Amino acid sequence: MSRIPGWLLRHRITIEPYRGSSSTGPVYGPPTAVRAFVDEQTRAVVSPGGEEVTSSSTAYTAPGTSAPPLSRVTLPSGRTTTVIACLSRDGGGLPTPDHVEIQLQ
């Protein structure tokens, strides 16, 4: 098993994990800065609820990164977006870089 090389994680994103909602709106946990590779490309993805939605960008991070759906993410450009899905990509022992794919609105 190999991790995604650190030199590929050229960007920094800030993740505020979604904790639920209150009478005043969404509740987020404390912000965490994470090294990532950000690909700003529009594509269709399937949300955890099974709906086809449009993703405007994807962040690739080291294994172990947590970003629950609906978490708030600030990209290097300063744009704030929302997590659609956070997917663990594990090669199962194959010589591929293990990483986490965070699909963003």
C-alpha atoms as a PDB file:
ATOM      1  CA  MET A   1       0.000   0.000   0.000  1.00  0.00           C
ATOM      2  CA  SER A   2       1.399   3.415  -0.931  1.00  0.00           C
ATOM      3  CA  ARG A   3       0.097   6.821   0.038  1.00  0.00           C
ATOM      4  CA  ILE A   4      -0.320   9.670  -2.388  1.00  0.00           C
ATOM      5  CA  PRO A   5       3.069  11.445  -2.492  1.00  0.00           C
ATOM      6  CA  GLY A   6       3.199  14.628  -0.421  1.00  0.00           C
ATOM      7  CA  TRP A   7       4.746  16.594  -3.278  1.00  0.00           C
ATOM      8  CA  LEU A   8       1.491  16.145  -5.248  1.00  0.00           C
ATOM      9  CA  LEU A   9      -0.532  17.838  -2.503  1.00  0.00           C
ATOM     10  CA  ARG A  10       0.300  21.372  -3.696  1.00  0.00           C
ATOM     11  CA  HIS A  11      -2.751  23.201  -2.352  1.00  0.00           C
ATOM     12  CA  ARG A  12      -4.261  23.931   1.064  1.00  0.00           C
ATOM     13  CA  ILE A  13      -7.970  23.674   1.736  1.00  0.00           C
ATOM     14  CA  THR A  14      -9.889  24.336   4.926  1.00  0.00           C
ATOM     15  CA  ILE A  15     -12.514  21.799   6.011  1.00  0.00           C
ATOM     16  CA  GLU A  16     -15.237  22.664   8.518  1.00  0.00           C
ATOM     17  CA  PRO A  17     -16.980  19.331   9.267  1.00  0.00           C
ATOM     18  CA  TYR A  18     -20.766  19.344   9.167  1.00  0.00           C
ATOM     19  CA  ARG A  19     -22.189  18.568  12.629  1.00  0.00           C
ATOM     20  CA  GLY A  20     -25.920  18.957  11.969  1.00  0.00           C
ATOM     21  CA  SER A  21     -28.457  21.754  11.861  1.00  0.00           C
ATOM     22  CA  SER A  22     -29.961  24.098  14.393  1.00  0.00           C
ATOM     23  CA  SER A  23     -32.769  26.629  14.360  1.00  0.00           C
ATOM     24  CA  THR A  24     -30.321  29.160  12.898  1.00  0.00           C
ATOM     25  CA  GLY A  25     -28.909  26.900  10.158  1.00  0.00           C
ATOM     26  CA  PRO A  26     -26.054  24.422   9.669  1.00  0.00           C
ATOM     27  CA  VAL A  27     -23.605  23.746  12.504  1.00  0.00           C
ATOM     28  CA  TYR A  28     -19.935  23.150  11.641  1.00  0.00           C
ATOM     29  CA  GLY A  29     -16.970  21.905  13.652  1.00  0.00           C
ATOM     30  CA  PRO A  30     -13.692  23.792  13.959  1.00  0.00           C
ATOM     31  CA  PRO A  31     -11.844  24.507  10.693  1.00  0.00           C
ATOM     32  CA  THR A  32      -8.893  22.291   9.798  1.00  0.00           C
ATOM     33  CA  ALA A  33      -6.278  23.131   7.153  1.00  0.00           C
ATOM     34  CA  VAL A  34      -5.494  20.141   4.930  1.00  0.00           C
ATOM     35  CA  ARG A  35      -2.929  19.635   2.164  1.00  0.00           C
ATOM     36  CA  ALA A  36      -4.630  18.651  -1.082  1.00  0.00           C
ATOM     37  CA  PHE A  37      -4.509  18.586  -4.840  1.00  0.00           C
ATOM     38  CA  VAL A  38      -7.499  20.551  -6.153  1.00  0.00           C
ATOM     39  CA  ASP A  39      -8.939  19.836  -9.604  1.00  0.00           C
ATOM     40  CA  GLU A  40     -11.512  22.469 -10.593  1.00  0.00           C
ATOM     41  CA  GLN A  41     -13.433  20.561 -13.234  1.00  0.00           C
ATOM     42  CA  THR A  42     -17.196  20.263 -13.647  1.00  0.00           C
ATOM     43  CA  ARG A  43     -18.567  16.714 -13.792  1.00  0.00           C
ATOM     44  CA  ALA A  44     -21.657  14.730 -12.845  1.00  0.00           C
ATOM     45  CA  VAL A  45     -21.402  12.633  -9.661  1.00  0.00           C
ATOM     46  CA  VAL A  46     -23.855  10.659  -7.530  1.00  0.00           C
ATOM     47  CA  SER A  47     -24.550  11.966  -4.023  1.00  0.00           C
ATOM     48  CA  PRO A  48     -24.779   9.641  -0.999  1.00  0.00           C
ATOM     49  CA  GLY A  49     -28.578   9.909  -1.380  1.00  0.00           C
ATOM     50  CA  GLY A  50     -28.386   8.495  -4.914  1.00  0.00           C
ATOM     51  CA  GLU A  51     -29.098  11.762  -6.748  1.00  0.00           C
ATOM     52  CA  GLU A  52     -27.043  12.818  -9.749  1.00  0.00           C
ATOM     53  CA  VAL A  53     -25.543  16.245  -8.972  1.00  0.00           C
ATOM     54  CA  THR A  54     -22.920  18.496 -10.524  1.00  0.00           C
ATOM     55  CA  SER A  55     -19.491  18.684  -8.913  1.00  0.00           C
ATOM     56  CA  SER A  56     -17.520  21.832  -9.722  1.00  0.00           C
ATOM     57  CA  SER A  57     -14.249  20.621  -8.200  1.00  0.00           C
ATOM     58  CA  THR A  58     -12.542  17.682  -6.530  1.00  0.00           C
ATOM     59  CA  ALA A  59      -9.904  17.696  -3.808  1.00  0.00           C
ATOM     60  CA  TYR A  60      -7.519  14.761  -3.378  1.00  0.00           C
ATOM     61  CA  THR A  61      -6.007  14.391   0.108  1.00  0.00           C
ATOM     62  CA  ALA A  62      -3.970  11.937   2.160  1.00  0.00           C
ATOM     63  CA  PRO A  63      -5.678   8.826   3.586  1.00  0.00           C
ATOM     64  CA  GLY A  64      -7.460   9.454   6.859  1.00  0.00           C
ATOM     65  CA  THR A  65      -8.882  12.846   5.898  1.00  0.00           C
ATOM     66  CA  SER A  66     -12.487  13.231   7.037  1.00  0.00           C
ATOM     67  CA  ALA A  67     -15.016  15.491   5.320  1.00  0.00           C
ATOM     68  CA  PRO A  68     -18.613  14.392   5.969  1.00  0.00           C
ATOM     69  CA  PRO A  69     -21.226  15.304   3.328  1.00  0.00           C
ATOM     70  CA  LEU A  70     -22.466  18.913   3.692  1.00  0.00           C
ATOM     71  CA  SER A  71     -19.172  20.006   5.306  1.00  0.00           C
ATOM     72  CA  ARG A  72     -17.959  23.452   4.303  1.00  0.00           C
ATOM     73  CA  VAL A  73     -14.679  23.659   2.360  1.00  0.00           C
ATOM     74  CA  THR A  74     -12.704  26.762   1.458  1.00  0.00           C
ATOM     75  CA  LEU A  75     -10.555  26.328  -1.651  1.00  0.00           C
ATOM     76  CA  PRO A  76      -7.203  28.044  -2.351  1.00  0.00           C
ATOM     77  CA  SER A  77      -9.046  30.583  -4.538  1.00  0.00           C
ATOM     78  CA  GLY A  78     -11.088  31.641  -1.490  1.00  0.00           C
ATOM     79  CA  ARG A  79     -14.289  30.121  -2.857  1.00  0.00           C
ATOM     80  CA  THR A  80     -16.382  28.341  -0.229  1.00  0.00           C
ATOM     81  CA  THR A  81     -18.210  25.194  -1.296  1.00  0.00           C
ATOM     82  CA  THR A  82     -19.952  22.137   0.157  1.00  0.00           C
ATOM     83  CA  VAL A  83     -18.934  18.465   0.244  1.00  0.00           C
ATOM     84  CA  ILE A  84     -21.062  16.148  -1.885  1.00  0.00           C
ATOM     85  CA  ALA A  85     -19.187  12.958  -0.969  1.00  0.00           C
ATOM     86  CA  CYS A  86     -15.896  11.899   0.624  1.00  0.00           C
ATOM     87  CA  LEU A  87     -14.537   8.656  -0.840  1.00  0.00           C
ATOM     88  CA  SER A  88     -11.611   6.539   0.334  1.00  0.00           C
ATOM     89  CA  ARG A  89      -9.539   5.301  -2.622  1.00  0.00           C
ATOM     90  CA  ASP A  90      -7.523   2.291  -1.453  1.00  0.00           C
ATOM     91  CA  GLY A  91      -5.649   0.168  -3.991  1.00  0.00           C
ATOM     92  CA  GLY A  92      -5.915  -2.932  -1.786  1.00  0.00           C
ATOM     93  CA  GLY A  93      -2.191  -3.601  -1.961  1.00  0.00           C
ATOM     94  CA  LEU A  94      -1.789  -2.690  -5.626  1.00  0.00           C
ATOM     95  CA  PRO A  95       0.936  -0.153  -6.410  1.00  0.00           C
ATOM     96  CA  THR A  96      -1.514   2.748  -6.677  1.00  0.00           C
ATOM     97  CA  PRO A  97      -1.533   5.880  -4.519  1.00  0.00           C
ATOM     98  CA  ASP A  98      -4.081   5.515  -1.708  1.00  0.00           C
ATOM     99  CA  HIS A  99      -5.933   8.785  -1.122  1.00  0.00           C
ATOM    100  CA  VAL A 100      -9.246  10.409  -0.239  1.00  0.00           C
ATOM    101  CA  GLU A 101     -11.365  11.994  -2.981  1.00  0.00           C
ATOM    102  CA  ILE A 102     -13.597  14.853  -1.826  1.00  0.00           C
ATOM    103  CA  GLN A 103     -16.261  15.759  -4.379  1.00  0.00           C
ATOM    104  CA  LEU A 104     -17.382  19.377  -4.011  1.00  0.00           C
ATOM    105  CA  GLN A 105     -20.380  21.373  -5.239  1.00  0.00           C
END
